[in-house]
Amino acid sequence: MRSKGRRGVFALLLLLQGALIGSVVARDLFLMFAFWSLSAIPLFLLVGIWGGVERERAAVQSAAAAFIGNAFLLAGIMVAFYFAEPHSFSLQEIPAGSFSGKLVEVFGVSISVADLILALFGLGFVARLPIWPVHGWFFRVVDEAPLTVLGIVVGAMVPVGLYLFMRLSLSLFPEAGVALSRFLLALGLVNLLVAAVSL
């Protein structure tokens, strides 16, 4: 990492750390979304300013993945707010399994509200995590990001994203979350194989 602008690097690293901590401790869906979305901004700047030769391209790709993921996540949160009784963003006020048995029509097809929200949450987090098959942006960040930033992305950002998805799926949709466990296990094995082949 270049010696120039170290104060800016440390400030952005603190902002990234604070955003990740805030998303973990938040007990409100919208507050969690705000902190998780905020974490994409310092990552974009750290890669785009202090990265390698193609840092701008890597930063833009990471920002695009964050934008798409945050859009799906926000859509899932708004659907959860609409179908929650009472309407609330608070995780303490939405009881576990409150979406069970509720149906919604999407393009003329009736699907479970719990499955719809869980799918939107899954797409939201998958887009921002290095999960196959939408992990192309991550390889660019690995190549161009400073080592310090890469360590934070791999050691903190990815685990936090996985934790948030598991926390939401098991607390709001216990039945659907358990039913999804085999698929997640298979996806994890596929990602292990892809990572082993890619190295």
N, C-alpha and C. Protein backbone atom coordinates (compact mmCIF):
# COMPACT_ATOMS: atom_id res chain seq x y z
N MET A 1 0.84 -1.20 0.00
CA MET A 1 0.00 0.00 0.00
C MET A 1 0.87 1.24 0.00
N ARG A 2 0.49 2.27 -0.74
CA ARG A 2 1.29 3.48 -0.82
C ARG A 2 1.29 4.21 0.51
N SER A 3 2.46 4.82 0.80
CA SER A 3 2.57 5.55 2.06
C SER A 3 1.73 6.82 2.06
N LYS A 4 1.46 7.35 0.84
CA LYS A 4 0.66 8.56 0.73
C LYS A 4 -0.79 8.28 1.10
N GLY A 5 -1.35 9.19 1.88
CA GLY A 5 -2.77 9.07 2.21
C GLY A 5 -3.08 8.02 3.25
N ARG A 6 -2.15 7.75 4.17
CA ARG A 6 -2.41 6.72 5.18
C ARG A 6 -3.57 7.07 6.08
N ARG A 7 -3.72 8.36 6.38
CA ARG A 7 -4.83 8.77 7.23
C ARG A 7 -6.17 8.42 6.58
N GLY A 8 -6.24 8.63 5.28
CA GLY A 8 -7.46 8.28 4.56
C GLY A 8 -7.73 6.78 4.59
N VAL A 9 -6.67 5.99 4.46
CA VAL A 9 -6.81 4.53 4.52
C VAL A 9 -7.34 4.10 5.88
N PHE A 10 -6.73 4.63 6.94
CA PHE A 10 -7.16 4.23 8.29
C PHE A 10 -8.57 4.70 8.59
N ALA A 11 -8.93 5.88 8.09
CA ALA A 11 -10.29 6.38 8.30
C ALA A 11 -11.31 5.48 7.60
N LEU A 12 -11.01 5.08 6.38
CA LEU A 12 -11.93 4.21 5.64
C LEU A 12 -12.00 2.81 6.27
N LEU A 13 -10.86 2.32 6.77
CA LEU A 13 -10.86 1.02 7.44
C LEU A 13 -11.71 1.07 8.71
N LEU A 14 -11.64 2.18 9.45
CA LEU A 14 -12.48 2.33 10.64
C LEU A 14 -13.96 2.42 10.27
N LEU A 15 -14.24 3.12 9.17
CA LEU A 15 -15.62 3.20 8.71
C LEU A 15 -16.14 1.83 8.30
N LEU A 16 -15.32 1.06 7.60
CA LEU A 16 -15.71 -0.29 7.20
C LEU A 16 -15.93 -1.17 8.42
N GLN A 17 -15.03 -1.07 9.39
CA GLN A 17 -15.17 -1.85 10.62
C GLN A 17 -16.45 -1.48 11.37
N GLY A 18 -16.70 -0.17 11.48
CA GLY A 18 -17.92 0.27 12.17
C GLY A 18 -19.18 -0.17 11.47
N ALA A 19 -19.17 -0.15 10.13
CA ALA A 19 -20.35 -0.59 9.37
C ALA A 19 -20.61 -2.08 9.57
N LEU A 20 -19.56 -2.88 9.58
CA LEU A 20 -19.73 -4.32 9.79
C LEU A 20 -20.22 -4.63 11.20
N ILE A 21 -19.66 -3.94 12.19
CA ILE A 21 -20.11 -4.14 13.57
C ILE A 21 -21.57 -3.72 13.71
N GLY A 22 -21.92 -2.58 13.11
CA GLY A 22 -23.29 -2.10 13.19
C GLY A 22 -24.28 -3.06 12.57
N SER A 23 -23.92 -3.67 11.45
CA SER A 23 -24.83 -4.62 10.80
C SER A 23 -25.02 -5.88 11.64
N VAL A 24 -23.99 -6.26 12.40
CA VAL A 24 -24.10 -7.47 13.23
C VAL A 24 -24.96 -7.22 14.47
N VAL A 25 -24.78 -6.07 15.11
CA VAL A 25 -25.49 -5.82 16.37
C VAL A 25 -26.88 -5.22 16.16
N ALA A 26 -27.22 -4.80 14.94
CA ALA A 26 -28.53 -4.17 14.70
C ALA A 26 -29.66 -5.16 14.97
N ARG A 27 -30.69 -4.66 15.64
CA ARG A 27 -31.87 -5.46 15.91
C ARG A 27 -33.06 -5.01 15.07
N ASP A 28 -32.77 -4.25 14.06
CA ASP A 28 -33.78 -3.70 13.17
C ASP A 28 -33.37 -4.01 11.73
N LEU A 29 -34.28 -4.52 10.94
CA LEU A 29 -33.95 -4.92 9.58
C LEU A 29 -33.44 -3.76 8.74
N PHE A 30 -34.09 -2.60 8.85
CA PHE A 30 -33.67 -1.47 8.03
C PHE A 30 -32.33 -0.92 8.50
N LEU A 31 -32.09 -0.92 9.81
CA LEU A 31 -30.80 -0.46 10.33
C LEU A 31 -29.68 -1.41 9.91
N MET A 32 -29.97 -2.70 9.97
CA MET A 32 -28.99 -3.69 9.50
C MET A 32 -28.67 -3.48 8.03
N PHE A 33 -29.70 -3.23 7.23
CA PHE A 33 -29.50 -2.97 5.81
C PHE A 33 -28.66 -1.72 5.59
N ALA A 34 -28.92 -0.67 6.37
CA ALA A 34 -28.18 0.58 6.21
C ALA A 34 -26.70 0.37 6.51
N PHE A 35 -26.37 -0.32 7.58
CA PHE A 35 -24.97 -0.57 7.92
C PHE A 35 -24.30 -1.49 6.89
N TRP A 36 -25.01 -2.53 6.47
CA TRP A 36 -24.45 -3.46 5.49
C TRP A 36 -24.21 -2.76 4.15
N SER A 37 -25.11 -1.88 3.76
CA SER A 37 -24.93 -1.11 2.53
C SER A 37 -23.77 -0.14 2.66
N LEU A 38 -23.64 0.47 3.83
CA LEU A 38 -22.56 1.42 4.08
C LEU A 38 -21.19 0.78 3.93
N SER A 39 -21.09 -0.51 4.24
CA SER A 39 -19.79 -1.19 4.17
C SER A 39 -19.24 -1.26 2.75
N ALA A 40 -20.11 -1.10 1.74
CA ALA A 40 -19.63 -1.16 0.35
C ALA A 40 -18.88 0.10 -0.05
N ILE A 41 -19.17 1.23 0.61
CA ILE A 41 -18.56 2.50 0.21
C ILE A 41 -17.07 2.55 0.52
N PRO A 42 -16.64 2.26 1.77
CA PRO A 42 -15.19 2.26 2.02
C PRO A 42 -14.44 1.21 1.22
N LEU A 43 -15.06 0.06 0.96
CA LEU A 43 -14.40 -0.95 0.13
C LEU A 43 -14.16 -0.41 -1.28
N PHE A 44 -15.15 0.26 -1.83
CA PHE A 44 -15.02 0.85 -3.16
C PHE A 44 -13.87 1.86 -3.20
N LEU A 45 -13.79 2.72 -2.20
CA LEU A 45 -12.75 3.75 -2.18
C LEU A 45 -11.37 3.16 -1.92
N LEU A 46 -11.29 2.18 -1.02
CA LEU A 46 -9.99 1.58 -0.70
C LEU A 46 -9.40 0.86 -1.91
N VAL A 47 -10.25 0.15 -2.63
CA VAL A 47 -9.76 -0.56 -3.83
C VAL A 47 -9.51 0.43 -4.96
N GLY A 48 -10.42 1.39 -5.14
CA GLY A 48 -10.31 2.31 -6.26
C GLY A 48 -9.17 3.29 -6.16
N ILE A 49 -8.77 3.66 -4.94
CA ILE A 49 -7.71 4.66 -4.77
C ILE A 49 -6.35 4.00 -4.53
N TRP A 50 -6.32 2.98 -3.67
CA TRP A 50 -5.03 2.40 -3.27
C TRP A 50 -4.79 1.01 -3.85
N GLY A 51 -5.58 0.61 -4.83
CA GLY A 51 -5.42 -0.72 -5.43
C GLY A 51 -4.32 -0.77 -6.47
N GLY A 52 -4.31 -1.84 -7.25
CA GLY A 52 -3.28 -2.07 -8.26
C GLY A 52 -3.56 -1.33 -9.55
N VAL A 53 -3.00 -1.86 -10.63
CA VAL A 53 -3.06 -1.19 -11.93
C VAL A 53 -4.50 -1.04 -12.41
N GLU A 54 -5.31 -2.07 -12.28
CA GLU A 54 -6.70 -2.03 -12.74
C GLU A 54 -7.66 -1.82 -11.58
N ARG A 55 -7.27 -0.95 -10.66
CA ARG A 55 -8.06 -0.73 -9.45
C ARG A 55 -9.44 -0.15 -9.74
N GLU A 56 -9.53 0.74 -10.74
CA GLU A 56 -10.83 1.35 -11.04
C GLU A 56 -11.84 0.30 -11.49
N ARG A 57 -11.39 -0.61 -12.34
CA ARG A 57 -12.29 -1.67 -12.82
C ARG A 57 -12.73 -2.57 -11.68
N ALA A 58 -11.80 -2.93 -10.79
CA ALA A 58 -12.14 -3.78 -9.65
C ALA A 58 -13.12 -3.06 -8.72
N ALA A 59 -12.90 -1.78 -8.50
CA ALA A 59 -13.79 -1.01 -7.62
C ALA A 59 -15.19 -0.92 -8.20
N VAL A 60 -15.28 -0.67 -9.50
CA VAL A 60 -16.59 -0.55 -10.15
C VAL A 60 -17.34 -1.88 -10.10
N GLN A 61 -16.62 -2.99 -10.32
CA GLN A 61 -17.26 -4.30 -10.27
C GLN A 61 -17.76 -4.62 -8.87
N SER A 62 -16.97 -4.28 -7.85
CA SER A 62 -17.42 -4.51 -6.47
C SER A 62 -18.62 -3.64 -6.13
N ALA A 63 -18.63 -2.40 -6.63
CA ALA A 63 -19.77 -1.50 -6.39
C ALA A 63 -21.02 -2.00 -7.10
N ALA A 64 -20.87 -2.53 -8.31
CA ALA A 64 -22.01 -3.06 -9.05
C ALA A 64 -22.60 -4.27 -8.33
N ALA A 65 -21.73 -5.16 -7.84
CA ALA A 65 -22.21 -6.32 -7.09
C ALA A 65 -22.93 -5.88 -5.82
N ALA A 66 -22.39 -4.86 -5.14
CA ALA A 66 -23.02 -4.35 -3.93
C ALA A 66 -24.38 -3.73 -4.23
N PHE A 67 -24.47 -2.98 -5.32
CA PHE A 67 -25.74 -2.34 -5.69
C PHE A 67 -26.81 -3.38 -5.98
N ILE A 68 -26.46 -4.39 -6.76
CA ILE A 68 -27.43 -5.44 -7.10
C ILE A 68 -27.85 -6.20 -5.85
N GLY A 69 -26.87 -6.58 -5.04
CA GLY A 69 -27.19 -7.31 -3.81
C GLY A 69 -28.05 -6.50 -2.86
N ASN A 70 -27.72 -5.22 -2.69
CA ASN A 70 -28.49 -4.37 -1.79
C ASN A 70 -29.92 -4.17 -2.30
N ALA A 71 -30.10 -4.13 -3.62
CA ALA A 71 -31.45 -3.99 -4.18
C ALA A 71 -32.31 -5.19 -3.83
N PHE A 72 -31.77 -6.40 -3.99
CA PHE A 72 -32.52 -7.61 -3.62
C PHE A 72 -32.81 -7.63 -2.12
N LEU A 73 -31.80 -7.26 -1.33
CA LEU A 73 -31.97 -7.29 0.13
C LEU A 73 -33.03 -6.29 0.58
N LEU A 74 -33.02 -5.10 0.00
CA LEU A 74 -34.04 -4.11 0.35
C LEU A 74 -35.43 -4.57 -0.07
N ALA A 75 -35.53 -5.21 -1.23
CA ALA A 75 -36.83 -5.74 -1.66
C ALA A 75 -37.34 -6.78 -0.67
N GLY A 76 -36.47 -7.66 -0.21
CA GLY A 76 -36.87 -8.66 0.77
C GLY A 76 -37.32 -8.03 2.08
N ILE A 77 -36.61 -6.99 2.52
CA ILE A 77 -36.97 -6.31 3.76
C ILE A 77 -38.33 -5.63 3.64
N MET A 78 -38.60 -5.01 2.49
CA MET A 78 -39.89 -4.34 2.31
C MET A 78 -41.04 -5.35 2.25
N VAL A 79 -40.80 -6.50 1.61
CA VAL A 79 -41.84 -7.56 1.60
C VAL A 79 -42.09 -8.07 3.01
N ALA A 80 -41.00 -8.25 3.78
CA ALA A 80 -41.15 -8.71 5.16
C ALA A 80 -41.93 -7.69 5.99
N PHE A 81 -41.65 -6.41 5.80
CA PHE A 81 -42.37 -5.36 6.52
C PHE A 81 -43.86 -5.38 6.17
N TYR A 82 -44.16 -5.57 4.89
CA TYR A 82 -45.56 -5.54 4.44
C TYR A 82 -46.37 -6.69 5.03
N PHE A 83 -45.76 -7.89 5.09
CA PHE A 83 -46.51 -9.07 5.54
C PHE A 83 -46.36 -9.33 7.04
N ALA A 84 -45.49 -8.58 7.72
CA ALA A 84 -45.35 -8.77 9.16
C ALA A 84 -46.56 -8.22 9.89
N GLU A 85 -46.95 -8.89 10.97
CA GLU A 85 -48.06 -8.44 11.79
C GLU A 85 -47.60 -8.34 13.24
N PRO A 86 -47.48 -7.14 13.78
CA PRO A 86 -47.73 -5.82 13.17
C PRO A 86 -46.60 -5.44 12.20
N HIS A 87 -46.88 -4.45 11.33
CA HIS A 87 -45.86 -3.98 10.40
C HIS A 87 -44.69 -3.41 11.20
N SER A 88 -43.53 -3.98 11.03
CA SER A 88 -42.37 -3.52 11.80
C SER A 88 -41.09 -3.99 11.12
N PHE A 89 -40.02 -3.21 11.34
CA PHE A 89 -38.69 -3.63 10.91
C PHE A 89 -37.92 -4.30 12.05
N SER A 90 -38.45 -4.22 13.26
CA SER A 90 -37.75 -4.73 14.43
C SER A 90 -37.74 -6.26 14.45
N LEU A 91 -36.56 -6.83 14.61
CA LEU A 91 -36.46 -8.29 14.68
C LEU A 91 -37.07 -8.83 15.96
N GLN A 92 -37.19 -7.98 16.99
CA GLN A 92 -37.79 -8.41 18.25
C GLN A 92 -39.31 -8.43 18.18
N GLU A 93 -39.89 -7.65 17.27
CA GLU A 93 -41.35 -7.57 17.17
C GLU A 93 -41.92 -8.52 16.12
N ILE A 94 -41.05 -9.10 15.28
CA ILE A 94 -41.50 -10.05 14.27
C ILE A 94 -41.24 -11.46 14.82
N PRO A 95 -42.26 -12.18 15.22
CA PRO A 95 -42.05 -13.51 15.80
C PRO A 95 -41.57 -14.51 14.76
N ALA A 96 -40.81 -15.50 15.22
CA ALA A 96 -40.32 -16.55 14.33
C ALA A 96 -41.49 -17.31 13.73
N GLY A 97 -41.42 -17.57 12.45
CA GLY A 97 -42.47 -18.32 11.77
C GLY A 97 -43.72 -17.51 11.47
N SER A 98 -43.64 -16.16 11.60
CA SER A 98 -44.83 -15.34 11.38
C SER A 98 -45.25 -15.29 9.91
N PHE A 99 -44.37 -15.73 9.00
CA PHE A 99 -44.70 -15.72 7.57
C PHE A 99 -45.18 -17.08 7.08
N SER A 100 -45.18 -18.07 7.97
CA SER A 100 -45.59 -19.42 7.58
C SER A 100 -47.07 -19.45 7.20
N GLY A 101 -47.36 -20.14 6.11
CA GLY A 101 -48.75 -20.29 5.67
C GLY A 101 -49.27 -19.15 4.83
N LYS A 102 -48.54 -18.05 4.73
CA LYS A 102 -48.98 -16.91 3.92
C LYS A 102 -48.53 -17.09 2.48
N LEU A 103 -49.42 -16.77 1.55
CA LEU A 103 -49.13 -16.93 0.13
C LEU A 103 -49.23 -15.58 -0.57
N VAL A 104 -48.48 -15.42 -1.63
CA VAL A 104 -48.53 -14.22 -2.44
C VAL A 104 -48.44 -14.63 -3.91
N GLU A 105 -49.14 -13.88 -4.76
CA GLU A 105 -49.11 -14.17 -6.20
C GLU A 105 -48.01 -13.37 -6.87
N VAL A 106 -47.11 -14.07 -7.56
CA VAL A 106 -46.03 -13.44 -8.32
C VAL A 106 -46.15 -13.91 -9.76
N PHE A 107 -46.49 -13.00 -10.67
CA PHE A 107 -46.69 -13.33 -12.08
C PHE A 107 -47.72 -14.45 -12.26
N GLY A 108 -48.78 -14.39 -11.45
CA GLY A 108 -49.87 -15.36 -11.56
C GLY A 108 -49.62 -16.68 -10.88
N VAL A 109 -48.49 -16.82 -10.19
CA VAL A 109 -48.16 -18.07 -9.50
C VAL A 109 -48.17 -17.81 -7.99
N SER A 110 -48.88 -18.63 -7.24
CA SER A 110 -48.92 -18.48 -5.78
C SER A 110 -47.70 -19.14 -5.16
N ILE A 111 -46.95 -18.36 -4.42
CA ILE A 111 -45.77 -18.91 -3.72
C ILE A 111 -45.81 -18.48 -2.27
N SER A 112 -45.07 -19.19 -1.45
CA SER A 112 -45.01 -18.88 -0.03
C SER A 112 -44.28 -17.56 0.20
N VAL A 113 -44.83 -16.73 1.09
CA VAL A 113 -44.18 -15.46 1.43
C VAL A 113 -42.81 -15.70 2.04
N ALA A 114 -42.73 -16.73 2.90
CA ALA A 114 -41.45 -17.04 3.54
C ALA A 114 -40.40 -17.41 2.50
N ASP A 115 -40.79 -18.22 1.51
CA ASP A 115 -39.85 -18.62 0.45
C ASP A 115 -39.43 -17.42 -0.39
N LEU A 116 -40.37 -16.51 -0.66
CA LEU A 116 -40.06 -15.32 -1.46
C LEU A 116 -39.06 -14.43 -0.74
N ILE A 117 -39.32 -14.16 0.54
CA ILE A 117 -38.41 -13.29 1.30
C ILE A 117 -37.05 -13.94 1.46
N LEU A 118 -37.04 -15.23 1.74
CA LEU A 118 -35.78 -15.94 1.90
C LEU A 118 -34.98 -15.94 0.60
N ALA A 119 -35.68 -16.08 -0.54
CA ALA A 119 -35.00 -16.05 -1.83
C ALA A 119 -34.40 -14.67 -2.10
N LEU A 120 -35.14 -13.60 -1.77
CA LEU A 120 -34.63 -12.24 -1.96
C LEU A 120 -33.44 -11.98 -1.05
N PHE A 121 -33.52 -12.43 0.19
CA PHE A 121 -32.37 -12.29 1.10
C PHE A 121 -31.17 -13.06 0.57
N GLY A 122 -31.42 -14.29 0.11
CA GLY A 122 -30.32 -15.11 -0.41
C GLY A 122 -29.64 -14.46 -1.60
N LEU A 123 -30.45 -13.96 -2.56
CA LEU A 123 -29.88 -13.28 -3.73
C LEU A 123 -29.12 -12.03 -3.31
N GLY A 124 -29.64 -11.33 -2.31
CA GLY A 124 -28.99 -10.12 -1.85
C GLY A 124 -27.61 -10.36 -1.27
N PHE A 125 -27.48 -11.42 -0.48
CA PHE A 125 -26.18 -11.71 0.13
C PHE A 125 -25.25 -12.43 -0.83
N VAL A 126 -25.80 -13.29 -1.69
CA VAL A 126 -24.95 -14.02 -2.65
C VAL A 126 -24.25 -13.06 -3.59
N ALA A 127 -24.94 -12.01 -4.01
CA ALA A 127 -24.34 -11.05 -4.95
C ALA A 127 -23.14 -10.35 -4.35
N ARG A 128 -23.12 -10.18 -3.02
CA ARG A 128 -22.02 -9.45 -2.39
C ARG A 128 -20.97 -10.36 -1.77
N LEU A 129 -21.17 -11.64 -1.85
CA LEU A 129 -20.19 -12.58 -1.29
C LEU A 129 -19.56 -13.38 -2.43
N PRO A 130 -18.33 -13.85 -2.24
CA PRO A 130 -17.67 -14.62 -3.30
C PRO A 130 -18.21 -16.03 -3.41
N ILE A 131 -19.46 -16.14 -3.84
CA ILE A 131 -20.12 -17.44 -3.94
C ILE A 131 -20.37 -17.75 -5.41
N TRP A 132 -19.98 -18.93 -5.83
CA TRP A 132 -20.20 -19.37 -7.20
C TRP A 132 -21.70 -19.44 -7.47
N PRO A 133 -22.19 -19.02 -8.61
CA PRO A 133 -21.48 -18.63 -9.83
C PRO A 133 -21.35 -17.11 -10.04
N VAL A 134 -21.61 -16.29 -9.01
CA VAL A 134 -21.55 -14.83 -9.18
C VAL A 134 -20.35 -14.25 -8.42
N HIS A 135 -19.23 -14.92 -8.52
CA HIS A 135 -18.05 -14.54 -7.74
C HIS A 135 -16.97 -13.88 -8.59
N GLY A 136 -17.28 -13.55 -9.84
CA GLY A 136 -16.26 -13.00 -10.73
C GLY A 136 -15.64 -11.71 -10.24
N TRP A 137 -16.47 -10.82 -9.65
CA TRP A 137 -15.96 -9.54 -9.16
C TRP A 137 -14.93 -9.73 -8.05
N PHE A 138 -15.08 -10.81 -7.28
CA PHE A 138 -14.19 -11.02 -6.13
C PHE A 138 -12.76 -11.31 -6.58
N PHE A 139 -12.60 -12.06 -7.68
CA PHE A 139 -11.26 -12.34 -8.18
C PHE A 139 -10.56 -11.05 -8.60
N ARG A 140 -11.32 -10.12 -9.18
CA ARG A 140 -10.74 -8.83 -9.57
C ARG A 140 -10.28 -8.06 -8.33
N VAL A 141 -11.10 -8.08 -7.27
CA VAL A 141 -10.72 -7.40 -6.03
C VAL A 141 -9.50 -8.06 -5.41
N VAL A 142 -9.43 -9.38 -5.45
CA VAL A 142 -8.27 -10.09 -4.91
C VAL A 142 -6.99 -9.67 -5.63
N ASP A 143 -7.08 -9.51 -6.95
CA ASP A 143 -5.90 -9.14 -7.73
C ASP A 143 -5.46 -7.70 -7.49
N GLU A 144 -6.41 -6.80 -7.27
CA GLU A 144 -6.10 -5.38 -7.24
C GLU A 144 -6.09 -4.75 -5.85
N ALA A 145 -6.77 -5.32 -4.88
CA ALA A 145 -6.89 -4.69 -3.56
C ALA A 145 -5.58 -4.77 -2.80
N PRO A 146 -5.28 -3.76 -1.97
CA PRO A 146 -4.13 -3.85 -1.07
C PRO A 146 -4.30 -5.02 -0.11
N LEU A 147 -3.19 -5.56 0.37
CA LEU A 147 -3.24 -6.76 1.20
C LEU A 147 -4.07 -6.55 2.46
N THR A 148 -3.96 -5.37 3.06
CA THR A 148 -4.74 -5.08 4.27
C THR A 148 -6.23 -5.14 4.00
N VAL A 149 -6.64 -4.55 2.90
CA VAL A 149 -8.06 -4.52 2.53
C VAL A 149 -8.55 -5.93 2.22
N LEU A 150 -7.73 -6.69 1.50
CA LEU A 150 -8.09 -8.06 1.16
C LEU A 150 -8.28 -8.90 2.43
N GLY A 151 -7.41 -8.69 3.40
CA GLY A 151 -7.54 -9.43 4.66
C GLY A 151 -8.85 -9.12 5.37
N ILE A 152 -9.28 -7.87 5.32
CA ILE A 152 -10.54 -7.50 5.96
C ILE A 152 -11.74 -8.06 5.20
N VAL A 153 -11.66 -8.04 3.86
CA VAL A 153 -12.75 -8.58 3.05
C VAL A 153 -12.93 -10.07 3.32
N VAL A 154 -11.83 -10.81 3.29
CA VAL A 154 -11.90 -12.26 3.48
C VAL A 154 -12.16 -12.63 4.94
N GLY A 155 -11.51 -11.92 5.86
CA GLY A 155 -11.59 -12.29 7.28
C GLY A 155 -12.77 -11.71 8.03
N ALA A 156 -13.37 -10.65 7.51
CA ALA A 156 -14.46 -10.01 8.25
C ALA A 156 -15.73 -9.84 7.41
N MET A 157 -15.59 -9.29 6.20
CA MET A 157 -16.79 -8.97 5.41
C MET A 157 -17.55 -10.22 4.97
N VAL A 158 -16.83 -11.19 4.48
CA VAL A 158 -17.49 -12.43 4.03
C VAL A 158 -18.15 -13.17 5.20
N PRO A 159 -17.44 -13.38 6.33
CA PRO A 159 -18.12 -14.05 7.46
C PRO A 159 -19.33 -13.27 7.99
N VAL A 160 -19.24 -11.93 8.00
CA VAL A 160 -20.38 -11.14 8.47
C VAL A 160 -21.58 -11.32 7.55
N GLY A 161 -21.35 -11.31 6.23
CA GLY A 161 -22.44 -11.53 5.29
C GLY A 161 -23.10 -12.89 5.47
N LEU A 162 -22.29 -13.92 5.65
CA LEU A 162 -22.84 -15.26 5.87
C LEU A 162 -23.60 -15.33 7.19
N TYR A 163 -23.05 -14.67 8.22
CA TYR A 163 -23.73 -14.67 9.52
C TYR A 163 -25.09 -13.98 9.42
N LEU A 164 -25.14 -12.84 8.73
CA LEU A 164 -26.40 -12.12 8.61
C LEU A 164 -27.46 -12.95 7.91
N PHE A 165 -27.06 -13.65 6.85
CA PHE A 165 -28.03 -14.49 6.14
C PHE A 165 -28.54 -15.61 7.04
N MET A 166 -27.63 -16.28 7.76
CA MET A 166 -28.04 -17.37 8.64
C MET A 166 -28.91 -16.83 9.79
N ARG A 167 -28.55 -15.67 10.30
CA ARG A 167 -29.32 -15.08 11.39
C ARG A 167 -30.75 -14.78 10.96
N LEU A 168 -30.89 -14.17 9.79
CA LEU A 168 -32.22 -13.83 9.30
C LEU A 168 -33.04 -15.07 8.94
N SER A 169 -32.39 -16.02 8.26
CA SER A 169 -33.13 -17.20 7.81
C SER A 169 -33.60 -18.06 8.97
N LEU A 170 -32.77 -18.21 10.00
CA LEU A 170 -33.14 -19.08 11.11
C LEU A 170 -34.04 -18.38 12.13
N SER A 171 -33.94 -17.06 12.24
CA SER A 171 -34.78 -16.36 13.22
C SER A 171 -36.16 -16.03 12.66
N LEU A 172 -36.24 -15.69 11.37
CA LEU A 172 -37.53 -15.32 10.78
C LEU A 172 -38.24 -16.49 10.10
N PHE A 173 -37.46 -17.41 9.53
CA PHE A 173 -38.04 -18.53 8.78
C PHE A 173 -37.41 -19.84 9.25
N PRO A 174 -37.68 -20.26 10.49
CA PRO A 174 -37.02 -21.47 11.00
C PRO A 174 -37.28 -22.72 10.15
N GLU A 175 -38.52 -22.89 9.69
CA GLU A 175 -38.84 -24.09 8.90
C GLU A 175 -38.16 -24.05 7.54
N ALA A 176 -38.28 -22.90 6.85
CA ALA A 176 -37.66 -22.77 5.54
C ALA A 176 -36.14 -22.80 5.64
N GLY A 177 -35.60 -22.24 6.72
CA GLY A 177 -34.15 -22.25 6.91
C GLY A 177 -33.60 -23.66 7.08
N VAL A 178 -34.32 -24.49 7.85
CA VAL A 178 -33.90 -25.88 8.02
C VAL A 178 -34.03 -26.65 6.72
N ALA A 179 -35.13 -26.40 5.98
CA ALA A 179 -35.32 -27.08 4.69
C ALA A 179 -34.25 -26.68 3.69
N LEU A 180 -33.70 -25.49 3.84
CA LEU A 180 -32.69 -24.99 2.91
C LEU A 180 -31.29 -25.47 3.25
N SER A 181 -31.13 -26.11 4.41
CA SER A 181 -29.80 -26.47 4.88
C SER A 181 -29.06 -27.43 3.94
N ARG A 182 -29.77 -28.36 3.33
CA ARG A 182 -29.11 -29.29 2.41
C ARG A 182 -28.61 -28.58 1.16
N PHE A 183 -29.43 -27.65 0.66
CA PHE A 183 -29.01 -26.88 -0.50
C PHE A 183 -27.78 -26.03 -0.18
N LEU A 184 -27.77 -25.41 1.00
CA LEU A 184 -26.62 -24.60 1.40
C LEU A 184 -25.37 -25.46 1.56
N LEU A 185 -25.54 -26.67 2.08
CA LEU A 185 -24.41 -27.58 2.22
C LEU A 185 -23.85 -27.95 0.85
N ALA A 186 -24.73 -28.24 -0.10
CA ALA A 186 -24.29 -28.57 -1.45
C ALA A 186 -23.60 -27.38 -2.11
N LEU A 187 -24.16 -26.19 -1.91
CA LEU A 187 -23.55 -24.98 -2.47
C LEU A 187 -22.19 -24.73 -1.87
N GLY A 188 -22.04 -24.98 -0.57
CA GLY A 188 -20.74 -24.82 0.08
C GLY A 188 -19.70 -25.78 -0.48
N LEU A 189 -20.11 -27.03 -0.72
CA LEU A 189 -19.18 -28.00 -1.29
C LEU A 189 -18.76 -27.61 -2.70
N VAL A 190 -19.72 -27.12 -3.49
CA VAL A 190 -19.39 -26.66 -4.85
C VAL A 190 -18.40 -25.51 -4.80
N ASN A 191 -18.60 -24.59 -3.88
CA ASN A 191 -17.70 -23.45 -3.76
C ASN A 191 -16.32 -23.88 -3.31
N LEU A 192 -16.23 -24.88 -2.45
CA LEU A 192 -14.93 -25.41 -2.04
C LEU A 192 -14.19 -26.01 -3.24
N LEU A 193 -14.91 -26.75 -4.06
CA LEU A 193 -14.30 -27.36 -5.24
C LEU A 193 -13.86 -26.29 -6.24
N VAL A 194 -14.71 -25.28 -6.46
CA VAL A 194 -14.37 -24.21 -7.39
C VAL A 194 -13.14 -23.45 -6.89
N ALA A 195 -13.10 -23.17 -5.58
CA ALA A 195 -11.94 -22.46 -5.02
C ALA A 195 -10.66 -23.29 -5.14
N ALA A 196 -10.78 -24.62 -4.93
CA ALA A 196 -9.61 -25.48 -5.03
C ALA A 196 -9.07 -25.53 -6.47
N VAL A 197 -9.99 -25.56 -7.43
CA VAL A 197 -9.58 -25.61 -8.84
C VAL A 197 -9.00 -24.27 -9.29
N SER A 198 -9.56 -23.17 -8.74
CA SER A 198 -9.13 -21.84 -9.16
C SER A 198 -7.75 -21.46 -8.65
N LEU A 199 -7.31 -22.05 -7.55
CA LEU A 199 -6.03 -21.68 -6.95
C LEU A 199 -4.86 -22.16 -7.79
